[in-house]
All heavy atoms as atom14 arrays in JSON, in Angstrom:
{
  "sequence": "GEQAKKSLLVASGLLMLGFSFVLLNLFPQVSVLFVSMLLLSISEIL",
  "atom14_mask": [
    [1, 1, 1, 1, 0, 0, 0, 0, 0, 0, 0, 0, 0, 0],
    [1, 1, 1, 1, 1, 1, 1, 1, 1, 0, 0, 0, 0, 0],
    [1, 1, 1, 1, 1, 1, 1, 1, 1, 0, 0, 0, 0, 0],
    [1, 1, 1, 1, 1, 0, 0, 0, 0, 0, 0, 0, 0, 0],
    [1, 1, 1, 1, 1, 1, 1, 1, 1, 0, 0, 0, 0, 0],
    [1, 1, 1, 1, 1, 1, 1, 1, 1, 0, 0, 0, 0, 0],
    [1, 1, 1, 1, 1, 1, 0, 0, 0, 0, 0, 0, 0, 0],
    [1, 1, 1, 1, 1, 1, 1, 1, 0, 0, 0, 0, 0, 0],
    [1, 1, 1, 1, 1, 1, 1, 1, 0, 0, 0, 0, 0, 0],
    [1, 1, 1, 1, 1, 1, 1, 0, 0, 0, 0, 0, 0, 0],
    [1, 1, 1, 1, 1, 0, 0, 0, 0, 0, 0, 0, 0, 0],
    [1, 1, 1, 1, 1, 1, 0, 0, 0, 0, 0, 0, 0, 0],
    [1, 1, 1, 1, 0, 0, 0, 0, 0, 0, 0, 0, 0, 0],
    [1, 1, 1, 1, 1, 1, 1, 1, 0, 0, 0, 0, 0, 0],
    [1, 1, 1, 1, 1, 1, 1, 1, 0, 0, 0, 0, 0, 0],
    [1, 1, 1, 1, 1, 1, 1, 1, 0, 0, 0, 0, 0, 0],
    [1, 1, 1, 1, 1, 1, 1, 1, 0, 0, 0, 0, 0, 0],
    [1, 1, 1, 1, 0, 0, 0, 0, 0, 0, 0, 0, 0, 0],
    [1, 1, 1, 1, 1, 1, 1, 1, 1, 1, 1, 0, 0, 0],
    [1, 1, 1, 1, 1, 1, 0, 0, 0, 0, 0, 0, 0, 0],
    [1, 1, 1, 1, 1, 1, 1, 1, 1, 1, 1, 0, 0, 0],
    [1, 1, 1, 1, 1, 1, 1, 0, 0, 0, 0, 0, 0, 0],
    [1, 1, 1, 1, 1, 1, 1, 1, 0, 0, 0, 0, 0, 0],
    [1, 1, 1, 1, 1, 1, 1, 1, 0, 0, 0, 0, 0, 0],
    [1, 1, 1, 1, 1, 1, 1, 1, 0, 0, 0, 0, 0, 0],
    [1, 1, 1, 1, 1, 1, 1, 1, 0, 0, 0, 0, 0, 0],
    [1, 1, 1, 1, 1, 1, 1, 1, 1, 1, 1, 0, 0, 0],
    [1, 1, 1, 1, 1, 1, 1, 0, 0, 0, 0, 0, 0, 0],
    [1, 1, 1, 1, 1, 1, 1, 1, 1, 0, 0, 0, 0, 0],
    [1, 1, 1, 1, 1, 1, 1, 0, 0, 0, 0, 0, 0, 0],
    [1, 1, 1, 1, 1, 1, 0, 0, 0, 0, 0, 0, 0, 0],
    [1, 1, 1, 1, 1, 1, 1, 0, 0, 0, 0, 0, 0, 0],
    [1, 1, 1, 1, 1, 1, 1, 1, 0, 0, 0, 0, 0, 0],
    [1, 1, 1, 1, 1, 1, 1, 1, 1, 1, 1, 0, 0, 0],
    [1, 1, 1, 1, 1, 1, 1, 0, 0, 0, 0, 0, 0, 0],
    [1, 1, 1, 1, 1, 1, 0, 0, 0, 0, 0, 0, 0, 0],
    [1, 1, 1, 1, 1, 1, 1, 1, 0, 0, 0, 0, 0, 0],
    [1, 1, 1, 1, 1, 1, 1, 1, 0, 0, 0, 0, 0, 0],
    [1, 1, 1, 1, 1, 1, 1, 1, 0, 0, 0, 0, 0, 0],
    [1, 1, 1, 1, 1, 1, 1, 1, 0, 0, 0, 0, 0, 0],
    [1, 1, 1, 1, 1, 1, 0, 0, 0, 0, 0, 0, 0, 0],
    [1, 1, 1, 1, 1, 1, 1, 1, 0, 0, 0, 0, 0, 0],
    [1, 1, 1, 1, 1, 1, 0, 0, 0, 0, 0, 0, 0, 0],
    [1, 1, 1, 1, 1, 1, 1, 1, 1, 0, 0, 0, 0, 0],
    [1, 1, 1, 1, 1, 1, 1, 1, 0, 0, 0, 0, 0, 0],
    [1, 1, 1, 1, 1, 1, 1, 1, 0, 0, 0, 0, 0, 0]
  ],
  "atom14_positions": [
    [[126.14, 180.98, 82.0], [125.59, 180.53, 80.73], [126.04, 181.32, 79.52], [126.35, 180.76, 78.48], [0.0, 0.0, 0.0], [0.0, 0.0, 0.0], [0.0, 0.0, 0.0], [0.0, 0.0, 0.0], [0.0, 0.0, 0.0], [0.0, 0.0, 0.0], [0.0, 0.0, 0.0], [0.0, 0.0, 0.0], [0.0, 0.0, 0.0], [0.0, 0.0, 0.0]],
    [[126.11, 182.64, 79.67], [126.51, 183.49, 78.55], [127.95, 183.98, 78.68], [128.44, 184.7, 77.8], [125.57, 184.71, 78.47], [124.09, 184.35, 78.25], [123.87, 183.6, 76.96], [124.61, 183.87, 75.98], [122.98, 182.73, 76.92], [0.0, 0.0, 0.0], [0.0, 0.0, 0.0], [0.0, 0.0, 0.0], [0.0, 0.0, 0.0], [0.0, 0.0, 0.0]],
    [[128.62, 183.63, 79.76], [129.97, 184.13, 80.01], [131.05, 183.12, 79.65], [132.12, 183.5, 79.17], [130.11, 184.51, 81.5], [129.06, 185.49, 82.0], [129.1, 186.82, 81.27], [130.17, 187.32, 80.92], [127.93, 187.41, 81.05], [0.0, 0.0, 0.0], [0.0, 0.0, 0.0], [0.0, 0.0, 0.0], [0.0, 0.0, 0.0], [0.0, 0.0, 0.0]],
    [[130.79, 181.86, 79.91], [131.81, 180.82, 79.7], [131.45, 179.95, 78.5], [130.28, 179.82, 78.14], [131.95, 179.96, 80.95], [0.0, 0.0, 0.0], [0.0, 0.0, 0.0], [0.0, 0.0, 0.0], [0.0, 0.0, 0.0], [0.0, 0.0, 0.0], [0.0, 0.0, 0.0], [0.0, 0.0, 0.0], [0.0, 0.0, 0.0], [0.0, 0.0, 0.0]],
    [[132.44, 179.38, 77.89], [132.22, 178.49, 76.76], [131.57, 177.2, 77.25], [131.96, 176.63, 78.27], [133.55, 178.16, 76.07], [134.19, 179.35, 75.39], [135.48, 178.92, 74.69], [136.13, 180.1, 73.96], [137.4, 179.7, 73.3], [0.0, 0.0, 0.0], [0.0, 0.0, 0.0], [0.0, 0.0, 0.0], [0.0, 0.0, 0.0], [0.0, 0.0, 0.0]],
    [[130.6, 176.72, 76.48], [129.93, 175.48, 76.85], [130.9, 174.31, 76.89], [130.78, 173.41, 77.73], [128.79, 175.18, 75.87], [127.63, 176.17, 75.93], [126.52, 175.74, 74.98], [125.34, 176.71, 75.02], [125.69, 178.04, 74.46], [0.0, 0.0, 0.0], [0.0, 0.0, 0.0], [0.0, 0.0, 0.0], [0.0, 0.0, 0.0], [0.0, 0.0, 0.0]],
    [[131.86, 174.3, 75.99], [132.84, 173.21, 75.97], [133.64, 173.15, 77.26], [133.89, 172.07, 77.81], [133.8, 173.38, 74.78], [134.42, 174.66, 74.82], [0.0, 0.0, 0.0], [0.0, 0.0, 0.0], [0.0, 0.0, 0.0], [0.0, 0.0, 0.0], [0.0, 0.0, 0.0], [0.0, 0.0, 0.0], [0.0, 0.0, 0.0], [0.0, 0.0, 0.0]],
    [[133.99, 174.31, 77.8], [134.77, 174.36, 79.04], [133.91, 173.97, 80.24], [134.36, 173.24, 81.13], [135.33, 175.77, 79.24], [136.25, 175.98, 80.45], [137.47, 175.08, 80.35], [136.68, 177.44, 80.54], [0.0, 0.0, 0.0], [0.0, 0.0, 0.0], [0.0, 0.0, 0.0], [0.0, 0.0, 0.0], [0.0, 0.0, 0.0], [0.0, 0.0, 0.0]],
    [[132.66, 174.42, 80.27], [131.77, 174.08, 81.38], [131.5, 172.58, 81.44], [131.58, 171.96, 82.5], [130.45, 174.85, 81.24], [130.52, 176.36, 81.45], [129.2, 177.01, 81.06], [130.85, 176.68, 82.9], [0.0, 0.0, 0.0], [0.0, 0.0, 0.0], [0.0, 0.0, 0.0], [0.0, 0.0, 0.0], [0.0, 0.0, 0.0], [0.0, 0.0, 0.0]],
    [[131.19, 172.0, 80.29], [130.88, 170.57, 80.26], [132.11, 169.74, 80.63], [132.02, 168.79, 81.42], [130.35, 170.17, 78.87], [130.21, 168.66, 78.76], [129.0, 170.84, 78.61], [0.0, 0.0, 0.0], [0.0, 0.0, 0.0], [0.0, 0.0, 0.0], [0.0, 0.0, 0.0], [0.0, 0.0, 0.0], [0.0, 0.0, 0.0], [0.0, 0.0, 0.0]],
    [[133.28, 170.09, 80.09], [134.5, 169.36, 80.41], [134.83, 169.46, 81.9], [135.24, 168.47, 82.53], [135.67, 169.87, 79.57], [0.0, 0.0, 0.0], [0.0, 0.0, 0.0], [0.0, 0.0, 0.0], [0.0, 0.0, 0.0], [0.0, 0.0, 0.0], [0.0, 0.0, 0.0], [0.0, 0.0, 0.0], [0.0, 0.0, 0.0], [0.0, 0.0, 0.0]],
    [[134.64, 170.64, 82.47], [134.89, 170.81, 83.9], [133.94, 169.94, 84.72], [134.34, 169.35, 85.74], [134.71, 172.28, 84.3], [135.62, 173.11, 83.61], [0.0, 0.0, 0.0], [0.0, 0.0, 0.0], [0.0, 0.0, 0.0], [0.0, 0.0, 0.0], [0.0, 0.0, 0.0], [0.0, 0.0, 0.0], [0.0, 0.0, 0.0], [0.0, 0.0, 0.0]],
    [[132.69, 169.85, 84.29], [131.74, 168.99, 84.97], [132.16, 167.53, 84.95], [132.02, 166.82, 85.95], [0.0, 0.0, 0.0], [0.0, 0.0, 0.0], [0.0, 0.0, 0.0], [0.0, 0.0, 0.0], [0.0, 0.0, 0.0], [0.0, 0.0, 0.0], [0.0, 0.0, 0.0], [0.0, 0.0, 0.0], [0.0, 0.0, 0.0], [0.0, 0.0, 0.0]],
    [[132.68, 167.08, 83.81], [133.15, 165.7, 83.7], [134.29, 165.42, 84.67], [134.32, 164.38, 85.34], [133.58, 165.41, 82.26], [132.6, 164.69, 81.34], [132.36, 163.27, 81.78], [131.3, 165.44, 81.23], [0.0, 0.0, 0.0], [0.0, 0.0, 0.0], [0.0, 0.0, 0.0], [0.0, 0.0, 0.0], [0.0, 0.0, 0.0], [0.0, 0.0, 0.0]],
    [[135.26, 166.3, 84.7], [136.41, 166.1, 85.58], [135.98, 166.07, 87.05], [136.47, 165.26, 87.84], [137.45, 167.2, 85.35], [138.12, 167.2, 83.97], [139.03, 168.41, 83.83], [138.91, 165.91, 83.75], [0.0, 0.0, 0.0], [0.0, 0.0, 0.0], [0.0, 0.0, 0.0], [0.0, 0.0, 0.0], [0.0, 0.0, 0.0], [0.0, 0.0, 0.0]],
    [[135.06, 166.95, 87.41], [134.57, 166.97, 88.79], [133.8, 165.7, 89.12], [133.88, 165.17, 90.24], [133.71, 168.2, 89.02], [133.35, 168.44, 90.48], [132.52, 170.02, 90.75], [133.85, 171.17, 90.34], [0.0, 0.0, 0.0], [0.0, 0.0, 0.0], [0.0, 0.0, 0.0], [0.0, 0.0, 0.0], [0.0, 0.0, 0.0], [0.0, 0.0, 0.0]],
    [[133.03, 165.19, 88.16], [132.3, 163.95, 88.36], [133.25, 162.79, 88.65], [133.03, 162.01, 89.59], [131.45, 163.64, 87.12], [130.67, 162.32, 87.14], [129.62, 162.33, 88.25], [130.02, 162.07, 85.78], [0.0, 0.0, 0.0], [0.0, 0.0, 0.0], [0.0, 0.0, 0.0], [0.0, 0.0, 0.0], [0.0, 0.0, 0.0], [0.0, 0.0, 0.0]],
    [[134.3, 162.68, 87.85], [135.26, 161.61, 88.07], [135.92, 161.71, 89.43], [136.1, 160.7, 90.13], [0.0, 0.0, 0.0], [0.0, 0.0, 0.0], [0.0, 0.0, 0.0], [0.0, 0.0, 0.0], [0.0, 0.0, 0.0], [0.0, 0.0, 0.0], [0.0, 0.0, 0.0], [0.0, 0.0, 0.0], [0.0, 0.0, 0.0], [0.0, 0.0, 0.0]],
    [[136.27, 162.93, 89.83], [136.93, 163.12, 91.12], [136.01, 162.78, 92.29], [136.46, 162.31, 93.33], [137.43, 164.56, 91.25], [138.21, 164.81, 92.52], [139.44, 164.21, 92.73], [137.7, 165.64, 93.5], [140.15, 164.43, 93.9], [138.4, 165.88, 94.67], [139.63, 165.27, 94.87], [0.0, 0.0, 0.0], [0.0, 0.0, 0.0], [0.0, 0.0, 0.0]],
    [[134.69, 163.0, 92.1], [133.75, 162.69, 93.18], [133.76, 161.2, 93.52], [133.55, 160.83, 94.68], [132.34, 163.13, 92.78], [131.78, 162.28, 91.8], [0.0, 0.0, 0.0], [0.0, 0.0, 0.0], [0.0, 0.0, 0.0], [0.0, 0.0, 0.0], [0.0, 0.0, 0.0], [0.0, 0.0, 0.0], [0.0, 0.0, 0.0], [0.0, 0.0, 0.0]],
    [[134.03, 160.35, 92.53], [134.1, 158.91, 92.79], [135.48, 158.5, 93.29], [135.6, 157.66, 94.19], [133.74, 158.13, 91.52], [132.28, 158.17, 91.18], [131.82, 158.92, 90.12], [131.36, 157.47, 91.94], [130.47, 158.96, 89.81], [130.0, 157.51, 91.65], [129.56, 158.25, 90.58], [0.0, 0.0, 0.0], [0.0, 0.0, 0.0], [0.0, 0.0, 0.0]],
    [[136.53, 159.09, 92.72], [137.89, 158.78, 93.18], [138.05, 159.13, 94.65], [138.76, 158.45, 95.4], [138.92, 159.53, 92.31], [140.32, 159.43, 92.91], [138.91, 158.98, 90.88], [0.0, 0.0, 0.0], [0.0, 0.0, 0.0], [0.0, 0.0, 0.0], [0.0, 0.0, 0.0], [0.0, 0.0, 0.0], [0.0, 0.0, 0.0], [0.0, 0.0, 0.0]],
    [[137.37, 160.18, 95.08], [137.44, 160.63, 96.46], [137.01, 159.53, 97.43], [137.5, 159.46, 98.56], [136.56, 161.87, 96.64], [136.81, 162.75, 97.88], [138.2, 163.36, 97.83], [135.75, 163.85, 97.95], [0.0, 0.0, 0.0], [0.0, 0.0, 0.0], [0.0, 0.0, 0.0], [0.0, 0.0, 0.0], [0.0, 0.0, 0.0], [0.0, 0.0, 0.0]],
    [[136.11, 158.67, 97.01], [135.64, 157.57, 97.86], [136.77, 156.59, 98.19], [136.76, 155.95, 99.24], [134.49, 156.84, 97.19], [133.23, 157.67, 96.9], [132.21, 156.85, 96.13], [132.63, 158.2, 98.2], [0.0, 0.0, 0.0], [0.0, 0.0, 0.0], [0.0, 0.0, 0.0], [0.0, 0.0, 0.0], [0.0, 0.0, 0.0], [0.0, 0.0, 0.0]],
    [[137.72, 156.46, 97.26], [138.89, 155.59, 97.51], [139.93, 156.28, 98.37], [140.58, 155.64, 99.2], [139.53, 155.17, 96.18], [138.71, 154.14, 95.44], [137.86, 153.46, 96.03], [138.94, 154.01, 94.15], [0.0, 0.0, 0.0], [0.0, 0.0, 0.0], [0.0, 0.0, 0.0], [0.0, 0.0, 0.0], [0.0, 0.0, 0.0], [0.0, 0.0, 0.0]],
    [[140.09, 157.58, 98.17], [141.14, 158.3, 98.88], [140.82, 158.48, 100.36], [141.71, 158.42, 101.22], [141.38, 159.66, 98.23], [141.81, 159.64, 96.75], [141.95, 161.06, 96.23], [143.12, 158.88, 96.59], [0.0, 0.0, 0.0], [0.0, 0.0, 0.0], [0.0, 0.0, 0.0], [0.0, 0.0, 0.0], [0.0, 0.0, 0.0], [0.0, 0.0, 0.0]],
    [[139.54, 158.71, 100.65], [139.11, 158.97, 102.04], [137.85, 158.15, 102.31], [136.74, 158.59, 101.99], [138.84, 160.45, 102.26], [140.0, 161.35, 101.92], [140.07, 161.99, 100.69], [141.05, 161.52, 102.82], [141.14, 162.81, 100.37], [142.12, 162.34, 102.51], [142.17, 162.98, 101.28], [0.0, 0.0, 0.0], [0.0, 0.0, 0.0], [0.0, 0.0, 0.0]],
    [[137.99, 156.98, 102.9], [136.84, 156.07, 103.07], [135.91, 156.39, 104.25], [135.04, 155.61, 104.58], [137.52, 154.71, 103.29], [138.84, 155.04, 103.93], [139.26, 156.35, 103.32], [0.0, 0.0, 0.0], [0.0, 0.0, 0.0], [0.0, 0.0, 0.0], [0.0, 0.0, 0.0], [0.0, 0.0, 0.0], [0.0, 0.0, 0.0], [0.0, 0.0, 0.0]],
    [[136.1, 157.55, 104.9], [135.23, 157.9, 106.03], [133.82, 158.22, 105.55], [133.6, 158.67, 104.42], [135.79, 159.12, 106.78], [137.13, 158.87, 107.46], [138.31, 159.11, 106.52], [138.12, 159.32, 105.32], [139.51, 159.07, 107.06], [0.0, 0.0, 0.0], [0.0, 0.0, 0.0], [0.0, 0.0, 0.0], [0.0, 0.0, 0.0], [0.0, 0.0, 0.0]],
    [[132.85, 158.02, 106.44], [131.45, 158.27, 106.11], [131.22, 159.75, 105.75], [130.43, 160.08, 104.86], [130.53, 157.86, 107.28], [129.08, 158.28, 107.01], [130.62, 156.37, 107.52], [0.0, 0.0, 0.0], [0.0, 0.0, 0.0], [0.0, 0.0, 0.0], [0.0, 0.0, 0.0], [0.0, 0.0, 0.0], [0.0, 0.0, 0.0], [0.0, 0.0, 0.0]],
    [[131.92, 160.65, 106.43], [131.73, 162.09, 106.18], [132.08, 162.46, 104.74], [131.51, 163.41, 104.18], [132.59, 162.91, 107.15], [133.96, 162.58, 107.02], [0.0, 0.0, 0.0], [0.0, 0.0, 0.0], [0.0, 0.0, 0.0], [0.0, 0.0, 0.0], [0.0, 0.0, 0.0], [0.0, 0.0, 0.0], [0.0, 0.0, 0.0], [0.0, 0.0, 0.0]],
    [[132.99, 161.72, 104.13], [133.4, 162.01, 102.75], [132.28, 161.68, 101.77], [132.26, 162.22, 100.65], [134.7, 161.23, 102.41], [135.09, 161.42, 100.95], [135.83, 161.69, 103.3], [0.0, 0.0, 0.0], [0.0, 0.0, 0.0], [0.0, 0.0, 0.0], [0.0, 0.0, 0.0], [0.0, 0.0, 0.0], [0.0, 0.0, 0.0], [0.0, 0.0, 0.0]],
    [[131.35, 160.83, 102.15], [130.23, 160.53, 101.28], [129.45, 161.8, 100.94], [128.95, 161.96, 99.83], [129.29, 159.51, 101.94], [129.89, 158.15, 102.32], [128.82, 157.26, 102.94], [130.53, 157.48, 101.12], [0.0, 0.0, 0.0], [0.0, 0.0, 0.0], [0.0, 0.0, 0.0], [0.0, 0.0, 0.0], [0.0, 0.0, 0.0], [0.0, 0.0, 0.0]],
    [[129.36, 162.71, 101.88], [128.64, 163.97, 101.66], [129.43, 164.9, 100.74], [128.87, 165.57, 99.88], [128.34, 164.65, 102.99], [127.38, 163.9, 103.85], [127.84, 162.95, 104.76], [126.02, 164.12, 103.74], [126.94, 162.24, 105.56], [125.12, 163.42, 104.53], [125.58, 162.48, 105.44], [0.0, 0.0, 0.0], [0.0, 0.0, 0.0], [0.0, 0.0, 0.0]],
    [[130.75, 164.93, 100.92], [131.6, 165.75, 100.05], [131.54, 165.22, 98.62], [131.43, 165.99, 97.65], [133.05, 165.76, 100.56], [133.94, 166.58, 99.62], [133.13, 166.29, 101.98], [0.0, 0.0, 0.0], [0.0, 0.0, 0.0], [0.0, 0.0, 0.0], [0.0, 0.0, 0.0], [0.0, 0.0, 0.0], [0.0, 0.0, 0.0], [0.0, 0.0, 0.0]],
    [[131.59, 163.91, 98.48], [131.5, 163.29, 97.16], [130.19, 163.62, 96.48], [130.14, 163.95, 95.28], [131.66, 161.77, 97.29], [131.43, 161.13, 96.05], [0.0, 0.0, 0.0], [0.0, 0.0, 0.0], [0.0, 0.0, 0.0], [0.0, 0.0, 0.0], [0.0, 0.0, 0.0], [0.0, 0.0, 0.0], [0.0, 0.0, 0.0], [0.0, 0.0, 0.0]],
    [[129.09, 163.57, 97.24], [127.78, 163.88, 96.67], [127.7, 165.36, 96.27], [127.07, 165.7, 95.26], [126.68, 163.54, 97.66], [125.27, 163.66, 97.09], [124.98, 162.56, 95.68], [124.82, 160.99, 96.53], [0.0, 0.0, 0.0], [0.0, 0.0, 0.0], [0.0, 0.0, 0.0], [0.0, 0.0, 0.0], [0.0, 0.0, 0.0], [0.0, 0.0, 0.0]],
    [[128.33, 166.22, 97.03], [128.37, 167.65, 96.69], [129.08, 167.86, 95.35], [128.58, 168.57, 94.46], [129.07, 168.44, 97.79], [129.37, 169.92, 97.49], [128.07, 170.69, 97.3], [130.21, 170.53, 98.61], [0.0, 0.0, 0.0], [0.0, 0.0, 0.0], [0.0, 0.0, 0.0], [0.0, 0.0, 0.0], [0.0, 0.0, 0.0], [0.0, 0.0, 0.0]],
    [[130.24, 167.23, 95.18], [130.99, 167.37, 93.93], [130.21, 166.77, 92.75], [130.19, 167.34, 91.66], [132.35, 166.68, 94.07], [133.32, 167.32, 95.06], [134.59, 166.48, 95.17], [133.66, 168.75, 94.67], [0.0, 0.0, 0.0], [0.0, 0.0, 0.0], [0.0, 0.0, 0.0], [0.0, 0.0, 0.0], [0.0, 0.0, 0.0], [0.0, 0.0, 0.0]],
    [[129.59, 165.61, 92.98], [128.8, 164.99, 91.92], [127.66, 165.91, 91.48], [127.37, 166.05, 90.29], [128.27, 163.64, 92.42], [127.51, 162.77, 91.42], [127.71, 161.28, 91.76], [126.02, 163.08, 91.41], [0.0, 0.0, 0.0], [0.0, 0.0, 0.0], [0.0, 0.0, 0.0], [0.0, 0.0, 0.0], [0.0, 0.0, 0.0], [0.0, 0.0, 0.0]],
    [[127.04, 166.56, 92.44], [125.91, 167.45, 92.14], [126.36, 168.67, 91.36], [125.69, 169.11, 90.42], [125.22, 167.87, 93.44], [124.79, 166.74, 94.18], [0.0, 0.0, 0.0], [0.0, 0.0, 0.0], [0.0, 0.0, 0.0], [0.0, 0.0, 0.0], [0.0, 0.0, 0.0], [0.0, 0.0, 0.0], [0.0, 0.0, 0.0], [0.0, 0.0, 0.0]],
    [[127.5, 169.25, 91.74], [128.02, 170.41, 91.01], [128.41, 170.02, 89.6], [128.2, 170.77, 88.64], [129.21, 171.02, 91.77], [128.75, 171.58, 93.13], [129.87, 172.13, 90.94], [129.86, 172.09, 94.0], [0.0, 0.0, 0.0], [0.0, 0.0, 0.0], [0.0, 0.0, 0.0], [0.0, 0.0, 0.0], [0.0, 0.0, 0.0], [0.0, 0.0, 0.0]],
    [[128.96, 168.82, 89.44], [129.32, 168.35, 88.1], [128.09, 168.24, 87.22], [128.12, 168.56, 86.03], [130.03, 166.99, 88.19], [129.12, 165.94, 88.47], [0.0, 0.0, 0.0], [0.0, 0.0, 0.0], [0.0, 0.0, 0.0], [0.0, 0.0, 0.0], [0.0, 0.0, 0.0], [0.0, 0.0, 0.0], [0.0, 0.0, 0.0], [0.0, 0.0, 0.0]],
    [[126.98, 167.78, 87.79], [125.72, 167.7, 87.07], [125.26, 169.08, 86.61], [124.79, 169.26, 85.47], [124.67, 167.05, 87.97], [123.3, 166.91, 87.36], [122.29, 166.31, 88.32], [122.7, 165.82, 89.39], [121.09, 166.35, 88.01], [0.0, 0.0, 0.0], [0.0, 0.0, 0.0], [0.0, 0.0, 0.0], [0.0, 0.0, 0.0], [0.0, 0.0, 0.0]],
    [[125.4, 170.07, 87.48], [125.0, 171.44, 87.16], [125.82, 172.0, 86.01], [125.31, 172.7, 85.12], [125.15, 172.33, 88.41], [124.12, 171.94, 89.48], [124.99, 173.81, 88.05], [124.35, 172.6, 90.82], [0.0, 0.0, 0.0], [0.0, 0.0, 0.0], [0.0, 0.0, 0.0], [0.0, 0.0, 0.0], [0.0, 0.0, 0.0], [0.0, 0.0, 0.0]],
    [[127.11, 171.7, 86.0], [128.0, 172.24, 84.97], [127.8, 171.57, 83.61], [128.08, 172.18, 82.57], [129.46, 172.08, 85.41], [129.91, 172.94, 86.6], [131.34, 172.59, 86.99], [129.79, 174.42, 86.26], [0.0, 0.0, 0.0], [0.0, 0.0, 0.0], [0.0, 0.0, 0.0], [0.0, 0.0, 0.0], [0.0, 0.0, 0.0], [0.0, 0.0, 0.0]]
  ]
}
């Protein structure tokens, strides 16, 4: 919170959010649903 720029944190969160959905197309296995949800959750935190 006090170490990184807010602009960089928010932008990183956006990019990770987009990748969490693209991942569903790249790897359609059920196990990837959990990886996608993990990335989506981290993007929310950022």
